[in-house]
């Protein structure tokens, strides 16, 4: 229904499949975002002074993430920081690093997986390429 109602927005000639996939992806995100919004108002909204500040585990977790990022290979760390911290797009990151967009996506995926595994206490998978 969304594609049909926005048919006038599709650029001819263009990648119809990609355009439809983008609409589907955005729809799924919209549904997930709507489902995650609670209908109940939290008490902190009425009494912000009662909200509890972060505890020591938040600081420890942040330190673990920073250590895990620091342990990444240079190429993965650079890609991760350019995309997540600096907010560059995959294309901009590819231009900055001088590699194809597919390589940027691969490095970013591996970096995120390795950080996630390290913080979760798992051993990062060995034998993967360090690109």
C-alpha atoms as a PDB file:
ATOM      1  CA  UNK A   1       0.000   0.000   0.000  1.00  0.00           C
ATOM      2  CA  UNK A   2       2.830   2.400   0.814  1.00  0.00           C
ATOM      3  CA  UNK A   3       4.580   1.739  -2.476  1.00  0.00           C
ATOM      4  CA  UNK A   4       1.405   2.271  -4.461  1.00  0.00           C
ATOM      5  CA  UNK A   5       0.556   5.476  -2.625  1.00  0.00           C
ATOM      6  CA  UNK A   6       4.071   6.804  -3.232  1.00  0.00           C
ATOM      7  CA  UNK A   7       4.528   5.525  -6.768  1.00  0.00           C
ATOM      8  CA  UNK A   8       5.047   9.089  -7.998  1.00  0.00           C
ATOM      9  CA  UNK A   9       8.207   9.297  -5.844  1.00  0.00           C
ATOM     10  CA  UNK A  10      10.037   6.462  -7.633  1.00  0.00           C
ATOM     11  CA  UNK A  11      12.771   7.751  -9.934  1.00  0.00           C
ATOM     12  CA  UNK A  12      12.741   6.241 -13.419  1.00  0.00           C
ATOM     13  CA  UNK A  13      15.052   4.545 -14.336  1.00  0.00           C
ATOM     14  CA  UNK A  14      15.979   3.260 -10.960  1.00  0.00           C
ATOM     15  CA  UNK A  15      16.362   0.182  -8.861  1.00  0.00           C
ATOM     16  CA  UNK A  16      12.730  -0.756  -8.241  1.00  0.00           C
ATOM     17  CA  UNK A  17      13.650  -3.708  -6.032  1.00  0.00           C
ATOM     18  CA  UNK A  18      15.886  -1.510  -3.867  1.00  0.00           C
ATOM     19  CA  UNK A  19      13.204   1.161  -3.609  1.00  0.00           C
ATOM     20  CA  UNK A  20      10.601  -1.409  -2.532  1.00  0.00           C
ATOM     21  CA  UNK A  21      13.018  -2.955  -0.033  1.00  0.00           C
ATOM     22  CA  UNK A  22      13.671   0.496   1.466  1.00  0.00           C
ATOM     23  CA  UNK A  23       9.935   1.043   1.901  1.00  0.00           C
ATOM     24  CA  UNK A  24       9.618  -2.374   3.557  1.00  0.00           C
ATOM     25  CA  UNK A  25      12.616  -1.706   5.816  1.00  0.00           C
ATOM     26  CA  UNK A  26      11.214   1.666   6.899  1.00  0.00           C
ATOM     27  CA  UNK A  27       7.789   0.123   7.535  1.00  0.00           C
ATOM     28  CA  UNK A  28       9.286  -2.567   9.778  1.00  0.00           C
ATOM     29  CA  UNK A  29      11.214   0.097  11.681  1.00  0.00           C
ATOM     30  CA  UNK A  30       8.059   2.188  12.102  1.00  0.00           C
ATOM     31  CA  UNK A  31       6.126  -0.802  13.455  1.00  0.00           C
ATOM     32  CA  UNK A  32       8.945  -1.750  15.838  1.00  0.00           C
ATOM     33  CA  UNK A  33       9.282   1.831  17.046  1.00  0.00           C
ATOM     34  CA  UNK A  34       5.537   2.091  17.666  1.00  0.00           C
ATOM     35  CA  UNK A  35       5.500  -1.216  19.540  1.00  0.00           C
ATOM     36  CA  UNK A  36       8.378  -0.117  21.759  1.00  0.00           C
ATOM     37  CA  UNK A  37       6.559   3.012  22.901  1.00  0.00           C
ATOM     38  CA  UNK A  38       4.779   2.221  26.134  1.00  0.00           C
ATOM     39  CA  UNK A  39       1.222   3.385  26.659  1.00  0.00           C
ATOM     40  CA  UNK A  40       1.977   3.832  30.346  1.00  0.00           C
ATOM     41  CA  UNK A  41       3.596   7.064  31.541  1.00  0.00           C
ATOM     42  CA  UNK A  42       6.559   6.421  33.780  1.00  0.00           C
ATOM     43  CA  UNK A  43       6.538   7.903  37.251  1.00  0.00           C
ATOM     44  CA  UNK A  44       9.865   9.634  36.498  1.00  0.00           C
ATOM     45  CA  UNK A  45       7.972  11.856  34.045  1.00  0.00           C
ATOM     46  CA  UNK A  46       5.939  13.235  36.932  1.00  0.00           C
ATOM     47  CA  UNK A  47       8.619  13.133  39.602  1.00  0.00           C
ATOM     48  CA  UNK A  48      12.021  13.577  37.910  1.00  0.00           C
ATOM     49  CA  UNK A  49      13.722  14.149  41.269  1.00  0.00           C
ATOM     50  CA  UNK A  50      12.910  10.551  42.177  1.00  0.00           C
ATOM     51  CA  UNK A  51      14.855   9.176  39.213  1.00  0.00           C
ATOM     52  CA  UNK A  52      17.879   7.178  40.289  1.00  0.00           C
ATOM     53  CA  UNK A  53      21.256   8.204  38.837  1.00  0.00           C
ATOM     54  CA  UNK A  54      23.371   5.596  37.045  1.00  0.00           C
ATOM     55  CA  UNK A  55      25.289   3.256  39.260  1.00  0.00           C
ATOM     56  CA  UNK A  56      28.843   1.924  39.086  1.00  0.00           C
ATOM     57  CA  UNK A  57      27.944  -0.855  36.690  1.00  0.00           C
ATOM     58  CA  UNK A  58      27.209   1.755  34.010  1.00  0.00           C
ATOM     59  CA  UNK A  59      30.738   3.111  34.356  1.00  0.00           C
ATOM     60  CA  UNK A  60      32.204  -0.392  34.289  1.00  0.00           C
ATOM     61  CA  UNK A  61      30.227  -1.298  31.172  1.00  0.00           C
ATOM     62  CA  UNK A  62      31.365   1.886  29.430  1.00  0.00           C
ATOM     63  CA  UNK A  63      34.981   1.103  30.308  1.00  0.00           C
ATOM     64  CA  UNK A  64      34.550  -2.440  28.942  1.00  0.00           C
ATOM     65  CA  UNK A  65      33.187  -1.096  25.659  1.00  0.00           C
ATOM     66  CA  UNK A  66      36.036   1.431  25.357  1.00  0.00           C
ATOM     67  CA  UNK A  67      38.591  -1.313  26.048  1.00  0.00           C
ATOM     68  CA  UNK A  68      36.957  -3.608  23.491  1.00  0.00           C
ATOM     69  CA  UNK A  69      37.038  -0.841  20.866  1.00  0.00           C
ATOM     70  CA  UNK A  70      40.679  -0.159  21.678  1.00  0.00           C
ATOM     71  CA  UNK A  71      41.517  -3.826  21.143  1.00  0.00           C
ATOM     72  CA  UNK A  72      40.099  -3.860  17.589  1.00  0.00           C
ATOM     73  CA  UNK A  73      42.438  -3.942  14.599  1.00  0.00           C
ATOM     74  CA  UNK A  74      43.146  -0.416  13.321  1.00  0.00           C
ATOM     75  CA  UNK A  75      41.044  -0.813  10.172  1.00  0.00           C
ATOM     76  CA  UNK A  76      37.984  -2.022  12.074  1.00  0.00           C
ATOM     77  CA  UNK A  77      38.369   0.568  14.830  1.00  0.00           C
ATOM     78  CA  UNK A  78      38.711   3.384  12.287  1.00  0.00           C
ATOM     79  CA  UNK A  79      35.616   2.252  10.394  1.00  0.00           C
ATOM     80  CA  UNK A  80      33.576   1.777  13.584  1.00  0.00           C
ATOM     81  CA  UNK A  81      34.458   5.219  14.923  1.00  0.00           C
ATOM     82  CA  UNK A  82      33.877   7.002  11.613  1.00  0.00           C
ATOM     83  CA  UNK A  83      30.399   5.535  11.230  1.00  0.00           C
ATOM     84  CA  UNK A  84      29.183   5.450  14.832  1.00  0.00           C
ATOM     85  CA  UNK A  85      30.941   8.344  16.545  1.00  0.00           C
ATOM     86  CA  UNK A  86      31.538  10.767  13.684  1.00  0.00           C
ATOM     87  CA  UNK A  87      28.253   9.987  11.918  1.00  0.00           C
ATOM     88  CA  UNK A  88      29.700   9.501   8.433  1.00  0.00           C
ATOM     89  CA  UNK A  89      27.696   7.469   5.938  1.00  0.00           C
ATOM     90  CA  UNK A  90      29.092   4.251   4.505  1.00  0.00           C
ATOM     91  CA  UNK A  91      29.898   6.076   1.267  1.00  0.00           C
ATOM     92  CA  UNK A  92      31.721   8.893   3.051  1.00  0.00           C
ATOM     93  CA  UNK A  93      33.621   6.377   5.161  1.00  0.00           C
ATOM     94  CA  UNK A  94      34.593   4.482   2.010  1.00  0.00           C
ATOM     95  CA  UNK A  95      35.968   7.700   0.491  1.00  0.00           C
ATOM     96  CA  UNK A  96      37.883   8.599   3.658  1.00  0.00           C
ATOM     97  CA  UNK A  97      39.445   5.151   4.046  1.00  0.00           C
ATOM     98  CA  UNK A  98      39.894   4.547   0.317  1.00  0.00           C
ATOM     99  CA  UNK A  99      38.111   1.189   0.246  1.00  0.00           C
ATOM    100  CA  UNK A 100      34.868  -0.022  -1.407  1.00  0.00           C
ATOM    101  CA  UNK A 101      31.562   0.366   0.461  1.00  0.00           C
ATOM    102  CA  UNK A 102      31.313  -3.427   0.796  1.00  0.00           C
ATOM    103  CA  UNK A 103      34.600  -3.458   2.691  1.00  0.00           C
ATOM    104  CA  UNK A 104      33.313  -0.701   4.984  1.00  0.00           C
ATOM    105  CA  UNK A 105      30.189  -2.739   5.707  1.00  0.00           C
ATOM    106  CA  UNK A 106      32.240  -5.877   6.359  1.00  0.00           C
ATOM    107  CA  UNK A 107      34.676  -4.111   8.683  1.00  0.00           C
ATOM    108  CA  UNK A 108      31.830  -2.441  10.560  1.00  0.00           C
ATOM    109  CA  UNK A 109      29.975  -5.723  11.004  1.00  0.00           C
ATOM    110  CA  UNK A 110      33.075  -7.521  12.248  1.00  0.00           C
ATOM    111  CA  UNK A 111      33.949  -4.656  14.594  1.00  0.00           C
ATOM    112  CA  UNK A 112      30.459  -4.593  16.101  1.00  0.00           C
ATOM    113  CA  UNK A 113      30.441  -8.372  16.496  1.00  0.00           C
ATOM    114  CA  UNK A 114      33.844  -8.386  18.167  1.00  0.00           C
ATOM    115  CA  UNK A 115      32.912  -5.564  20.586  1.00  0.00           C
ATOM    116  CA  UNK A 116      29.619  -7.293  21.402  1.00  0.00           C
ATOM    117  CA  UNK A 117      31.381 -10.618  22.032  1.00  0.00           C
ATOM    118  CA  UNK A 118      34.116  -9.028  24.147  1.00  0.00           C
ATOM    119  CA  UNK A 119      31.666  -7.104  26.334  1.00  0.00           C
ATOM    120  CA  UNK A 120      29.481 -10.209  26.726  1.00  0.00           C
ATOM    121  CA  UNK A 121      32.521 -12.123  27.959  1.00  0.00           C
ATOM    122  CA  UNK A 122      32.743 -14.446  24.987  1.00  0.00           C
ATOM    123  CA  UNK A 123      35.962 -15.111  23.105  1.00  0.00           C
ATOM    124  CA  UNK A 124      35.868 -13.271  19.787  1.00  0.00           C
ATOM    125  CA  UNK A 125      35.734 -15.724  16.897  1.00  0.00           C
ATOM    126  CA  UNK A 126      39.203 -16.615  15.706  1.00  0.00           C
ATOM    127  CA  UNK A 127      40.210 -17.215  12.160  1.00  0.00           C
ATOM    128  CA  UNK A 128      38.329 -14.280  10.705  1.00  0.00           C
ATOM    129  CA  UNK A 129      40.045 -11.813   8.452  1.00  0.00           C
ATOM    130  CA  UNK A 130      41.207  -8.636  10.160  1.00  0.00           C
ATOM    131  CA  UNK A 131      40.024  -6.377   7.338  1.00  0.00           C
END
